Amino acid sequence: MVALATLLVMTGAGLATLGALHRAATPDPSVPTVLPHASGRVPPQHALSRYHVRWYTASVVFLAFDVEMLFMYPWAVVVADLGAGAVVEMFVFLAVLLAAVAWARREGAFGWA
């Protein structure tokens, strides 16, 4: 019974903390959001419409290569112990990534103009 009461108190304290953090982090709705910010100049466009959608595609391609490196570093440490099967698996993995890059190129993810 004590464990249940402790769980309920901890849950209530956690919810109260989340509510207080939400109130503290929520911007005041009465503050206008379209006025100039730090530099004093009027922004030429809305802050959420600055980036073209092609940048998001390029970001995903970058993340794919970043995750590839995260996979390859530990693989390089143990490849001698694992043998030829590990080398084959890495080439299959790189082939899948190459297919993804070919698809991204076909979709125009690398066209910056």
PDB file of N, CA and C in Angstrom:
ATOM      1  N   MET A   1       0.816  -1.192   0.000  1.00  0.00           N
ATOM      2  CA  MET A   1       0.000   0.000   0.000  1.00  0.00           C
ATOM      3  C   MET A   1       0.863   1.261   0.000  1.00  0.00           C
ATOM      4  N   VAL A   2       1.971   1.190   0.734  1.00  0.00           N
ATOM      5  CA  VAL A   2       2.880   2.334   0.780  1.00  0.00           C
ATOM      6  C   VAL A   2       3.501   2.569  -0.601  1.00  0.00           C
ATOM      7  N   ALA A   3       3.819   1.488  -1.303  1.00  0.00           N
ATOM      8  CA  ALA A   3       4.413   1.621  -2.634  1.00  0.00           C
ATOM      9  C   ALA A   3       3.441   2.289  -3.601  1.00  0.00           C
ATOM     10  N   LEU A   4       2.159   1.942  -3.506  1.00  0.00           N
ATOM     11  CA  LEU A   4       1.156   2.551  -4.371  1.00  0.00           C
ATOM     12  C   LEU A   4       1.010   4.036  -4.062  1.00  0.00           C
ATOM     13  N   ALA A   5       0.989   4.386  -2.779  1.00  0.00           N
ATOM     14  CA  ALA A   5       0.884   5.800  -2.400  1.00  0.00           C
ATOM     15  C   ALA A   5       2.116   6.567  -2.876  1.00  0.00           C
ATOM     16  N   THR A   6       3.282   5.963  -2.749  1.00  0.00           N
ATOM     17  CA  THR A   6       4.509   6.617  -3.214  1.00  0.00           C
ATOM     18  C   THR A   6       4.465   6.819  -4.725  1.00  0.00           C
ATOM     19  N   LEU A   7       3.988   5.816  -5.449  1.00  0.00           N
ATOM     20  CA  LEU A   7       3.875   5.921  -6.898  1.00  0.00           C
ATOM     21  C   LEU A   7       2.915   7.033  -7.290  1.00  0.00           C
ATOM     22  N   LEU A   8       1.791   7.134  -6.605  1.00  0.00           N
ATOM     23  CA  LEU A   8       0.818   8.179  -6.912  1.00  0.00           C
ATOM     24  C   LEU A   8       1.378   9.568  -6.601  1.00  0.00           C
ATOM     25  N   VAL A   9       2.079   9.702  -5.494  1.00  0.00           N
ATOM     26  CA  VAL A   9       2.668  10.995  -5.139  1.00  0.00           C
ATOM     27  C   VAL A   9       3.746  11.381  -6.160  1.00  0.00           C
ATOM     28  N   MET A  10       4.577  10.429  -6.553  1.00  0.00           N
ATOM     29  CA  MET A  10       5.629  10.715  -7.534  1.00  0.00           C
ATOM     30  C   MET A  10       5.027  11.076  -8.898  1.00  0.00           C
ATOM     31  N   THR A  11       3.962  10.384  -9.272  1.00  0.00           N
ATOM     32  CA  THR A  11       3.295  10.694 -10.536  1.00  0.00           C
ATOM     33  C   THR A  11       2.680  12.085 -10.481  1.00  0.00           C
ATOM     34  N   GLY A  12       2.031  12.416  -9.381  1.00  0.00           N
ATOM     35  CA  GLY A  12       1.453  13.754  -9.236  1.00  0.00           C
ATOM     36  C   GLY A  12       2.514  14.839  -9.255  1.00  0.00           C
ATOM     37  N   ALA A  13       3.642  14.599  -8.596  1.00  0.00           N
ATOM     38  CA  ALA A  13       4.729  15.577  -8.595  1.00  0.00           C
ATOM     39  C   ALA A  13       5.310  15.743  -9.998  1.00  0.00           C
ATOM     40  N   GLY A  14       5.442  14.645 -10.721  1.00  0.00           N
ATOM     41  CA  GLY A  14       5.943  14.717 -12.091  1.00  0.00           C
ATOM     42  C   GLY A  14       5.002  15.484 -13.000  1.00  0.00           C
ATOM     43  N   LEU A  15       3.693  15.232 -12.862  1.00  0.00           N
ATOM     44  CA  LEU A  15       2.715  15.956 -13.674  1.00  0.00           C
ATOM     45  C   LEU A  15       2.687  17.436 -13.323  1.00  0.00           C
ATOM     46  N   ALA A  16       2.803  17.757 -12.043  1.00  0.00           N
ATOM     47  CA  ALA A  16       2.838  19.162 -11.638  1.00  0.00           C
ATOM     48  C   ALA A  16       4.085  19.856 -12.181  1.00  0.00           C
ATOM     49  N   THR A  17       5.212  19.160 -12.168  1.00  0.00           N
ATOM     50  CA  THR A  17       6.443  19.719 -12.716  1.00  0.00           C
ATOM     51  C   THR A  17       6.316  19.950 -14.218  1.00  0.00           C
ATOM     52  N   LEU A  18       5.744  18.979 -14.931  1.00  0.00           N
ATOM     53  CA  LEU A  18       5.543  19.151 -16.374  1.00  0.00           C
ATOM     54  C   LEU A  18       4.601  20.303 -16.671  1.00  0.00           C
ATOM     55  N   GLY A  19       3.547  20.454 -15.882  1.00  0.00           N
ATOM     56  CA  GLY A  19       2.626  21.570 -16.079  1.00  0.00           C
ATOM     57  C   GLY A  19       3.308  22.902 -15.840  1.00  0.00           C
ATOM     58  N   ALA A  20       4.124  22.990 -14.795  1.00  0.00           N
ATOM     59  CA  ALA A  20       4.835  24.237 -14.513  1.00  0.00           C
ATOM     60  C   ALA A  20       5.842  24.556 -15.612  1.00  0.00           C
ATOM     61  N   LEU A  21       6.554  23.538 -16.109  1.00  0.00           N
ATOM     62  CA  LEU A  21       7.498  23.759 -17.203  1.00  0.00           C
ATOM     63  C   LEU A  21       6.782  24.193 -18.473  1.00  0.00           C
ATOM     64  N   HIS A  22       5.608  23.630 -18.715  1.00  0.00           N
ATOM     65  CA  HIS A  22       4.841  24.021 -19.896  1.00  0.00           C
ATOM     66  C   HIS A  22       4.417  25.481 -19.803  1.00  0.00           C
ATOM     67  N   ARG A  23       3.948  25.892 -18.637  1.00  0.00           N
ATOM     68  CA  ARG A  23       3.545  27.290 -18.468  1.00  0.00           C
ATOM     69  C   ARG A  23       4.736  28.228 -18.598  1.00  0.00           C
ATOM     70  N   ALA A  24       5.889  27.816 -18.092  1.00  0.00           N
ATOM     71  CA  ALA A  24       7.072  28.672 -18.153  1.00  0.00           C
ATOM     72  C   ALA A  24       7.636  28.766 -19.573  1.00  0.00           C
ATOM     73  N   ALA A  25       7.510  27.703 -20.357  1.00  0.00           N
ATOM     74  CA  ALA A  25       8.115  27.685 -21.689  1.00  0.00           C
ATOM     75  C   ALA A  25       7.183  28.176 -22.787  1.00  0.00           C
ATOM     76  N   THR A  26       5.907  28.290 -22.520  1.00  0.00           N
ATOM     77  CA  THR A  26       4.956  28.729 -23.542  1.00  0.00           C
ATOM     78  C   THR A  26       5.076  30.237 -23.734  1.00  0.00           C
ATOM     79  N   PRO A  27       5.238  30.690 -24.970  1.00  0.00           N
ATOM     80  CA  PRO A  27       5.346  32.132 -25.186  1.00  0.00           C
ATOM     81  C   PRO A  27       4.024  32.838 -24.894  1.00  0.00           C
ATOM     82  N   ASP A  28       4.145  34.080 -24.516  1.00  0.00           N
ATOM     83  CA  ASP A  28       2.973  34.892 -24.206  1.00  0.00           C
ATOM     84  C   ASP A  28       2.219  35.175 -25.504  1.00  0.00           C
ATOM     85  N   PRO A  29       0.927  34.804 -25.608  1.00  0.00           N
ATOM     86  CA  PRO A  29       0.204  35.019 -26.867  1.00  0.00           C
ATOM     87  C   PRO A  29      -0.057  36.487 -27.162  1.00  0.00           C
ATOM     88  N   SER A  30       0.079  37.363 -26.180  1.00  0.00           N
ATOM     89  CA  SER A  30      -0.175  38.786 -26.425  1.00  0.00           C
ATOM     90  C   SER A  30       1.013  39.478 -27.091  1.00  0.00           C
ATOM     91  N   VAL A  31       2.196  38.833 -27.089  1.00  0.00           N
ATOM     92  CA  VAL A  31       3.370  39.433 -27.717  1.00  0.00           C
ATOM     93  C   VAL A  31       3.276  39.214 -29.220  1.00  0.00           C
ATOM     94  N   PRO A  32       3.347  40.286 -30.013  1.00  0.00           N
ATOM     95  CA  PRO A  32       3.274  40.111 -31.474  1.00  0.00           C
ATOM     96  C   PRO A  32       4.506  39.365 -31.983  1.00  0.00           C
ATOM     97  N   THR A  33       4.304  38.440 -32.877  1.00  0.00           N
ATOM     98  CA  THR A  33       5.398  37.613 -33.382  1.00  0.00           C
ATOM     99  C   THR A  33       5.893  38.050 -34.747  1.00  0.00           C
ATOM    100  N   VAL A  34       5.316  39.084 -35.328  1.00  0.00           N
ATOM    101  CA  VAL A  34       5.732  39.502 -36.663  1.00  0.00           C
ATOM    102  C   VAL A  34       6.557  40.782 -36.645  1.00  0.00           C
ATOM    103  N   LEU A  35       6.828  41.326 -35.480  1.00  0.00           N
ATOM    104  CA  LEU A  35       7.633  42.531 -35.401  1.00  0.00           C
ATOM    105  C   LEU A  35       9.111  42.188 -35.511  1.00  0.00           C
ATOM    106  N   PRO A  36       9.959  43.172 -35.825  1.00  0.00           N
ATOM    107  CA  PRO A  36      11.397  42.909 -35.915  1.00  0.00           C
ATOM    108  C   PRO A  36      11.944  42.385 -34.600  1.00  0.00           C
ATOM    109  N   HIS A  37      12.948  41.541 -34.728  1.00  0.00           N
ATOM    110  CA  HIS A  37      13.540  40.926 -33.540  1.00  0.00           C
ATOM    111  C   HIS A  37      14.805  41.686 -33.149  1.00  0.00           C
ATOM    112  N   ALA A  38      15.910  41.048 -33.006  1.00  0.00           N
ATOM    113  CA  ALA A  38      17.111  41.626 -32.428  1.00  0.00           C
ATOM    114  C   ALA A  38      17.728  42.732 -33.278  1.00  0.00           C
ATOM    115  N   SER A  39      17.726  42.610 -34.582  1.00  0.00           N
ATOM    116  CA  SER A  39      18.430  43.583 -35.410  1.00  0.00           C
ATOM    117  C   SER A  39      17.608  44.839 -35.667  1.00  0.00           C
ATOM    118  N   GLY A  40      16.321  44.799 -35.465  1.00  0.00           N
ATOM    119  CA  GLY A  40      15.481  45.960 -35.705  1.00  0.00           C
ATOM    120  C   GLY A  40      14.957  46.048 -37.115  1.00  0.00           C
ATOM    121  N   ARG A  41      15.384  45.137 -37.993  1.00  0.00           N
ATOM    122  CA  ARG A  41      14.886  45.154 -39.365  1.00  0.00           C
ATOM    123  C   ARG A  41      13.646  44.281 -39.480  1.00  0.00           C
ATOM    124  N   VAL A  42      12.779  44.642 -40.365  1.00  0.00           N
ATOM    125  CA  VAL A  42      11.597  43.826 -40.625  1.00  0.00           C
ATOM    126  C   VAL A  42      12.033  42.619 -41.447  1.00  0.00           C
ATOM    127  N   PRO A  43      11.706  41.401 -41.011  1.00  0.00           N
ATOM    128  CA  PRO A  43      12.119  40.218 -41.778  1.00  0.00           C
ATOM    129  C   PRO A  43      11.407  40.165 -43.127  1.00  0.00           C
ATOM    130  N   PRO A  44      12.124  39.758 -44.186  1.00  0.00           N
ATOM    131  CA  PRO A  44      11.497  39.721 -45.509  1.00  0.00           C
ATOM    132  C   PRO A  44      10.490  38.587 -45.667  1.00  0.00           C
ATOM    133  N   GLN A  45      10.547  37.600 -44.801  1.00  0.00           N
ATOM    134  CA  GLN A  45       9.620  36.471 -44.895  1.00  0.00           C
ATOM    135  C   GLN A  45       9.404  35.889 -43.512  1.00  0.00           C
ATOM    136  N   HIS A  46       8.443  35.033 -43.403  1.00  0.00           N
ATOM    137  CA  HIS A  46       8.140  34.413 -42.121  1.00  0.00           C
ATOM    138  C   HIS A  46       9.267  33.483 -41.723  1.00  0.00           C
ATOM    139  N   ALA A  47       9.523  33.370 -40.450  1.00  0.00           N
ATOM    140  CA  ALA A  47      10.654  32.582 -39.963  1.00  0.00           C
ATOM    141  C   ALA A  47      10.529  31.106 -40.312  1.00  0.00           C
ATOM    142  N   LEU A  48       9.315  30.589 -40.419  1.00  0.00           N
ATOM    143  CA  LEU A  48       9.156  29.166 -40.706  1.00  0.00           C
ATOM    144  C   LEU A  48       9.208  28.841 -42.192  1.00  0.00           C
ATOM    145  N   SER A  49       9.274  29.858 -43.044  1.00  0.00           N
ATOM    146  CA  SER A  49       9.283  29.597 -44.480  1.00  0.00           C
ATOM    147  C   SER A  49      10.622  29.948 -45.112  1.00  0.00           C
ATOM    148  N   ARG A  50      11.679  29.987 -44.344  1.00  0.00           N
ATOM    149  CA  ARG A  50      12.976  30.402 -44.871  1.00  0.00           C
ATOM    150  C   ARG A  50      13.645  29.341 -45.719  1.00  0.00           C
ATOM    151  N   TYR A  51      13.463  28.102 -45.391  1.00  0.00           N
ATOM    152  CA  TYR A  51      14.235  27.041 -46.031  1.00  0.00           C
ATOM    153  C   TYR A  51      13.404  26.306 -47.070  1.00  0.00           C
ATOM    154  N   HIS A  52      14.025  26.078 -48.198  1.00  0.00           N
ATOM    155  CA  HIS A  52      13.361  25.318 -49.252  1.00  0.00           C
ATOM    156  C   HIS A  52      13.346  23.843 -48.852  1.00  0.00           C
ATOM    157  N   VAL A  53      12.374  23.123 -49.371  1.00  0.00           N
ATOM    158  CA  VAL A  53      12.201  21.718 -48.996  1.00  0.00           C
ATOM    159  C   VAL A  53      13.392  20.863 -49.415  1.00  0.00           C
ATOM    160  N   ARG A  54      14.161  21.295 -50.416  1.00  0.00           N
ATOM    161  CA  ARG A  54      15.318  20.494 -50.849  1.00  0.00           C
ATOM    162  C   ARG A  54      16.376  20.409 -49.759  1.00  0.00           C
ATOM    163  N   TRP A  55      16.416  21.360 -48.845  1.00  0.00           N
ATOM    164  CA  TRP A  55      17.391  21.298 -47.755  1.00  0.00           C
ATOM    165  C   TRP A  55      17.066  20.160 -46.801  1.00  0.00           C
ATOM    166  N   TYR A  56      15.789  19.874 -46.633  1.00  0.00           N
ATOM    167  CA  TYR A  56      15.413  18.764 -45.764  1.00  0.00           C
ATOM    168  C   TYR A  56      15.828  17.430 -46.390  1.00  0.00           C
ATOM    169  N   THR A  57      15.689  17.306 -47.694  1.00  0.00           N
ATOM    170  CA  THR A  57      16.118  16.092 -48.374  1.00  0.00           C
ATOM    171  C   THR A  57      17.632  15.928 -48.260  1.00  0.00           C
ATOM    172  N   ALA A  58      18.352  17.016 -48.434  1.00  0.00           N
ATOM    173  CA  ALA A  58      19.808  16.952 -48.290  1.00  0.00           C
ATOM    174  C   ALA A  58      20.196  16.600 -46.861  1.00  0.00           C
ATOM    175  N   SER A  59      19.430  17.069 -45.903  1.00  0.00           N
ATOM    176  CA  SER A  59      19.707  16.732 -44.501  1.00  0.00           C
ATOM    177  C   SER A  59      19.518  15.245 -44.254  1.00  0.00           C
ATOM    178  N   VAL A  60      18.507  14.655 -44.852  1.00  0.00           N
ATOM    179  CA  VAL A  60      18.282  13.217 -44.682  1.00  0.00           C
ATOM    180  C   VAL A  60      19.420  12.421 -45.321  1.00  0.00           C
ATOM    181  N   VAL A  61      19.903  12.871 -46.471  1.00  0.00           N
ATOM    182  CA  VAL A  61      21.029  12.192 -47.104  1.00  0.00           C
ATOM    183  C   VAL A  61      22.265  12.304 -46.218  1.00  0.00           C
ATOM    184  N   PHE A  62      22.497  13.486 -45.637  1.00  0.00           N
ATOM    185  CA  PHE A  62      23.627  13.648 -44.721  1.00  0.00           C
ATOM    186  C   PHE A  62      23.486  12.715 -43.526  1.00  0.00           C
ATOM    187  N   LEU A  63      22.296  12.618 -42.966  1.00  0.00           N
ATOM    188  CA  LEU A  63      22.093  11.735 -41.820  1.00  0.00           C
ATOM    189  C   LEU A  63      22.331  10.279 -42.186  1.00  0.00           C
ATOM    190  N   ALA A  64      21.984   9.896 -43.408  1.00  0.00           N
ATOM    191  CA  ALA A  64      22.239   8.520 -43.837  1.00  0.00           C
ATOM    192  C   ALA A  64      23.738   8.235 -43.833  1.00  0.00           C
ATOM    193  N   PHE A  65      24.536   9.181 -44.324  1.00  0.00           N
ATOM    194  CA  PHE A  65      25.980   8.974 -44.315  1.00  0.00           C
ATOM    195  C   PHE A  65      26.542   9.058 -42.903  1.00  0.00           C
ATOM    196  N   ASP A  66      25.959   9.877 -42.071  1.00  0.00           N
ATOM    197  CA  ASP A  66      26.398   9.977 -40.685  1.00  0.00           C
ATOM    198  C   ASP A  66      26.149   8.666 -39.947  1.00  0.00           C
ATOM    199  N   VAL A  67      24.984   8.089 -40.153  1.00  0.00           N
ATOM    200  CA  VAL A  67      24.668   6.808 -39.519  1.00  0.00           C
ATOM    201  C   VAL A  67      25.552   5.703 -40.094  1.00  0.00           C
ATOM    202  N   GLU A  68      25.896   5.820 -41.360  1.00  0.00           N
ATOM    203  CA  GLU A  68      26.820   4.844 -41.947  1.00  0.00           C
ATOM    204  C   GLU A  68      28.152   4.868 -41.207  1.00  0.00           C
ATOM    205  N   MET A  69      28.656   6.037 -40.917  1.00  0.00           N
ATOM    206  CA  MET A  69      29.921   6.136 -40.187  1.00  0.00           C
ATOM    207  C   MET A  69      29.783   5.586 -38.770  1.00  0.00           C
ATOM    208  N   LEU A  70      28.646   5.811 -38.140  1.00  0.00           N
ATOM    209  CA  LEU A  70      28.425   5.251 -36.807  1.00  0.00           C
ATOM    210  C   LEU A  70      28.445   3.728 -36.842  1.00  0.00           C
ATOM    211  N   PHE A  71      28.031   3.151 -37.951  1.00  0.00           N
ATOM    212  CA  PHE A  71      28.033   1.705 -38.089  1.00  0.00           C
ATOM    213  C   PHE A  71      29.421   1.175 -38.454  1.00  0.00           C
ATOM    214  N   MET A  72      30.175   1.966 -39.229  1.00  0.00           N
ATOM    215  CA  MET A  72      31.449   1.473 -39.734  1.00  0.00           C
ATOM    216  C   MET A  72      32.572   1.518 -38.703  1.00  0.00           C
ATOM    217  N   TYR A  73      32.553   2.448 -37.778  1.00  0.00           N
ATOM    218  CA  TYR A  73      33.638   2.521 -36.794  1.00  0.00           C
ATOM    219  C   TYR A  73      33.716   1.272 -35.919  1.00  0.00           C
ATOM    220  N   PRO A  74      32.631   0.844 -35.284  1.00  0.00           N
ATOM    221  CA  PRO A  74      32.752  -0.391 -34.503  1.00  0.00           C
ATOM    222  C   PRO A  74      33.012  -1.613 -35.380  1.00  0.00           C
ATOM    223  N   TRP A  75      32.507  -1.593 -36.599  1.00  0.00           N
ATOM    224  CA  TRP A  75      32.749  -2.701 -37.511  1.00  0.00           C
ATOM    225  C   TRP A  75      34.242  -2.823 -37.802  1.00  0.00           C
ATOM    226  N   ALA A  76      34.924  -1.692 -37.994  1.00  0.00           N
ATOM    227  CA  ALA A  76      36.348  -1.712 -38.303  1.00  0.00           C
ATOM    228  C   ALA A  76      37.161  -2.284 -37.148  1.00  0.00           C
ATOM    229  N   VAL A  77      36.663  -2.148 -35.936  1.00  0.00           N
ATOM    230  CA  VAL A  77      37.387  -2.665 -34.777  1.00  0.00           C
ATOM    231  C   VAL A  77      37.322  -4.190 -34.729  1.00  0.00           C
ATOM    232  N   VAL A  78      36.179  -4.771 -35.109  1.00  0.00           N
ATOM    233  CA  VAL A  78      35.985  -6.212 -34.949  1.00  0.00           C
ATOM    234  C   VAL A  78      36.025  -6.993 -36.256  1.00  0.00           C
ATOM    235  N   VAL A  79      36.319  -6.335 -37.387  1.00  0.00           N
ATOM    236  CA  VAL A  79      36.249  -7.035 -38.669  1.00  0.00           C
ATOM    237  C   VAL A  79      37.273  -8.171 -38.749  1.00  0.00           C
ATOM    238  N   ALA A  80      38.429  -8.003 -38.147  1.00  0.00           N
ATOM    239  CA  ALA A  80      39.442  -9.067 -38.199  1.00  0.00           C
ATOM    240  C   ALA A  80      38.984 -10.300 -37.426  1.00  0.00           C
ATOM    241  N   ASP A  81      38.236 -10.097 -36.364  1.00  0.00           N
ATOM    242  CA  ASP A  81      37.745 -11.234 -35.578  1.00  0.00           C
ATOM    243  C   ASP A  81      36.572 -11.931 -36.256  1.00  0.00           C
ATOM    244  N   LEU A  82      35.769 -11.187 -36.994  1.00  0.00           N
ATOM    245  CA  LEU A  82      34.562 -11.760 -37.597  1.00  0.00           C
ATOM    246  C   LEU A  82      34.824 -12.460 -38.922  1.00  0.00           C
ATOM    247  N   GLY A  83      35.826 -12.045 -39.656  1.00  0.00           N
ATOM    248  CA  GLY A  83      36.188 -12.741 -40.884  1.00  0.00           C
ATOM    249  C   GLY A  83      35.524 -12.174 -42.126  1.00  0.00           C
ATOM    250  N   ALA A  84      35.504 -13.008 -43.165  1.00  0.00           N
ATOM    251  CA  ALA A  84      35.029 -12.569 -44.473  1.00  0.00           C
ATOM    252  C   ALA A  84      33.534 -12.272 -44.489  1.00  0.00           C
ATOM    253  N   GLY A  85      32.773 -12.929 -43.624  1.00  0.00           N
ATOM    254  CA  GLY A  85      31.326 -12.660 -43.582  1.00  0.00           C
ATOM    255  C   GLY A  85      31.019 -11.224 -43.217  1.00  0.00           C
ATOM    256  N   ALA A  86      31.829 -10.643 -42.343  1.00  0.00           N
ATOM    257  CA  ALA A  86      31.624  -9.248 -41.960  1.00  0.00           C
ATOM    258  C   ALA A  86      31.918  -8.317 -43.128  1.00  0.00           C
ATOM    259  N   VAL A  87      32.901  -8.651 -43.932  1.00  0.00           N
ATOM    260  CA  VAL A  87      33.227  -7.829 -45.098  1.00  0.00           C
ATOM    261  C   VAL A  87      32.074  -7.872 -46.100  1.00  0.00           C
ATOM    262  N   VAL A  88      31.519  -9.057 -46.316  1.00  0.00           N
ATOM    263  CA  VAL A  88      30.385  -9.192 -47.236  1.00  0.00           C
ATOM    264  C   VAL A  88      29.186  -8.386 -46.726  1.00  0.00           C
ATOM    265  N   GLU A  89      28.924  -8.470 -45.424  1.00  0.00           N
ATOM    266  CA  GLU A  89      27.812  -7.705 -44.855  1.00  0.00           C
ATOM    267  C   GLU A  89      28.010  -6.209 -45.038  1.00  0.00           C
ATOM    268  N   MET A  90      29.261  -5.736 -44.881  1.00  0.00           N
ATOM    269  CA  MET A  90      29.511  -4.310 -45.057  1.00  0.00           C
ATOM    270  C   MET A  90      29.303  -3.890 -46.497  1.00  0.00           C
ATOM    271  N   PHE A  91      29.708  -4.729 -47.446  1.00  0.00           N
ATOM    272  CA  PHE A  91      29.489  -4.378 -48.843  1.00  0.00           C
ATOM    273  C   PHE A  91      28.003  -4.395 -49.196  1.00  0.00           C
ATOM    274  N   VAL A  92      27.238  -5.284 -48.592  1.00  0.00           N
ATOM    275  CA  VAL A  92      25.785  -5.262 -48.799  1.00  0.00           C
ATOM    276  C   VAL A  92      25.202  -3.972 -48.227  1.00  0.00           C
ATOM    277  N   PHE A  93      25.656  -3.588 -47.040  1.00  0.00           N
ATOM    278  CA  PHE A  93      25.198  -2.346 -46.420  1.00  0.00           C
ATOM    279  C   PHE A  93      25.541  -1.141 -47.296  1.00  0.00           C
ATOM    280  N   LEU A  94      26.764  -1.102 -47.816  1.00  0.00           N
ATOM    281  CA  LEU A  94      27.161   0.002 -48.685  1.00  0.00           C
ATOM    282  C   LEU A  94      26.379  -0.002 -49.995  1.00  0.00           C
ATOM    283  N   ALA A  95      26.013  -1.176 -50.487  1.00  0.00           N
ATOM    284  CA  ALA A  95      25.200  -1.247 -51.706  1.00  0.00           C
ATOM    285  C   ALA A  95      23.813  -0.669 -51.461  1.00  0.00           C
ATOM    286  N   VAL A  96      23.254  -0.941 -50.299  1.00  0.00           N
ATOM    287  CA  VAL A  96      21.946  -0.357 -49.968  1.00  0.00           C
ATOM    288  C   VAL A  96      22.051   1.156 -49.884  1.00  0.00           C
ATOM    289  N   LEU A  97      23.123   1.655 -49.268  1.00  0.00           N
ATOM    290  CA  LEU A  97      23.313   3.106 -49.203  1.00  0.00           C
ATOM    291  C   LEU A  97      23.528   3.704 -50.580  1.00  0.00           C
ATOM    292  N   LEU A  98      24.259   3.012 -51.432  1.00  0.00           N
ATOM    293  CA  LEU A  98      24.461   3.503 -52.790  1.00  0.00           C
ATOM    294  C   LEU A  98      23.138   3.554 -53.551  1.00  0.00           C
ATOM    295  N   ALA A  99      22.285   2.581 -53.330  1.00  0.00           N
ATOM    296  CA  ALA A  99      20.957   2.619 -53.958  1.00  0.00           C
ATOM    297  C   ALA A  99      20.158   3.812 -53.447  1.00  0.00           C
ATOM    298  N   ALA A 100      20.280   4.128 -52.157  1.00  0.00           N
ATOM    299  CA  ALA A 100      19.588   5.295 -51.611  1.00  0.00           C
ATOM    300  C   ALA A 100      20.122   6.589 -52.198  1.00  0.00           C
ATOM    301  N   VAL A 101      21.436   6.666 -52.396  1.00  0.00           N
ATOM    302  CA  VAL A 101      22.021   7.864 -53.001  1.00  0.00           C
ATOM    303  C   VAL A 101      21.583   7.984 -54.457  1.00  0.00           C
ATOM    304  N   ALA A 102      21.525   6.873 -55.169  1.00  0.00           N
ATOM    305  CA  ALA A 102      21.051   6.911 -56.563  1.00  0.00           C
ATOM    306  C   ALA A 102      19.602   7.385 -56.622  1.00  0.00           C
ATOM    307  N   TRP A 103      18.783   6.932 -55.698  1.00  0.00           N
ATOM    308  CA  TRP A 103      17.392   7.389 -55.656  1.00  0.00           C
ATOM    309  C   TRP A 103      17.319   8.880 -55.350  1.00  0.00           C
ATOM    310  N   ALA A 104      18.122   9.341 -54.374  1.00  0.00           N
ATOM    311  CA  ALA A 104      18.117  10.762 -54.018  1.00  0.00           C
ATOM    312  C   ALA A 104      18.586  11.610 -55.193  1.00  0.00           C
ATOM    313  N   ARG A 105      19.577  11.122 -55.923  1.00  0.00           N
ATOM    314  CA  ARG A 105      20.039  11.871 -57.096  1.00  0.00           C
ATOM    315  C   ARG A 105      18.952  11.931 -58.169  1.00  0.00           C
ATOM    316  N   ARG A 106      18.249  10.814 -58.369  1.00  0.00           N
ATOM    317  CA  ARG A 106      17.169  10.788 -59.352  1.00  0.00           C
ATOM    318  C   ARG A 106      16.044  11.741 -58.968  1.00  0.00           C
ATOM    319  N   GLU A 107      15.793  11.867 -57.649  1.00  0.00           N
ATOM    320  CA  GLU A 107      14.733  12.753 -57.172  1.00  0.00           C
ATOM    321  C   GLU A 107      15.166  14.222 -57.152  1.00  0.00           C
ATOM    322  N   GLY A 108      16.451  14.472 -57.410  1.00  0.00           N
ATOM    323  CA  GLY A 108      16.935  15.846 -57.468  1.00  0.00           C
ATOM    324  C   GLY A 108      17.403  16.413 -56.143  1.00  0.00           C
ATOM    325  N   ALA A 109      17.757  15.550 -55.198  1.00  0.00           N
ATOM    326  CA  ALA A 109      18.185  16.029 -53.884  1.00  0.00           C
ATOM    327  C   ALA A 109      19.529  16.740 -53.948  1.00  0.00           C
ATOM    328  N   PHE A 110      20.322  16.471 -54.968  1.00  0.00           N
ATOM    329  CA  PHE A 110      21.633  17.076 -55.060  1.00  0.00           C
ATOM    330  C   PHE A 110      21.668  18.246 -56.029  1.00  0.00           C
ATOM    331  N   GLY A 111      20.536  18.625 -56.589  1.00  0.00           N
ATOM    332  CA  GLY A 111      20.474  19.780 -57.474  1.00  0.00           C
ATOM    333  C   GLY A 111      20.256  21.053 -56.679  1.00  0.00           C
ATOM    334  N   TRP A 112      21.255  21.913 -56.592  1.00  0.00           N
ATOM    335  CA  TRP A 112      21.164  23.089 -55.732  1.00  0.00           C
ATOM    336  C   TRP A 112      20.642  24.307 -56.468  1.00  0.00           C
ATOM    337  N   ALA A 113      20.505  24.239 -57.744  1.00  0.00           N
ATOM    338  CA  ALA A 113      20.058  25.427 -58.487  1.00  0.00           C
ATOM    339  C   ALA A 113      18.565  25.549 -58.521  1.00  0.00           C
TER     340      ALA A 113
END
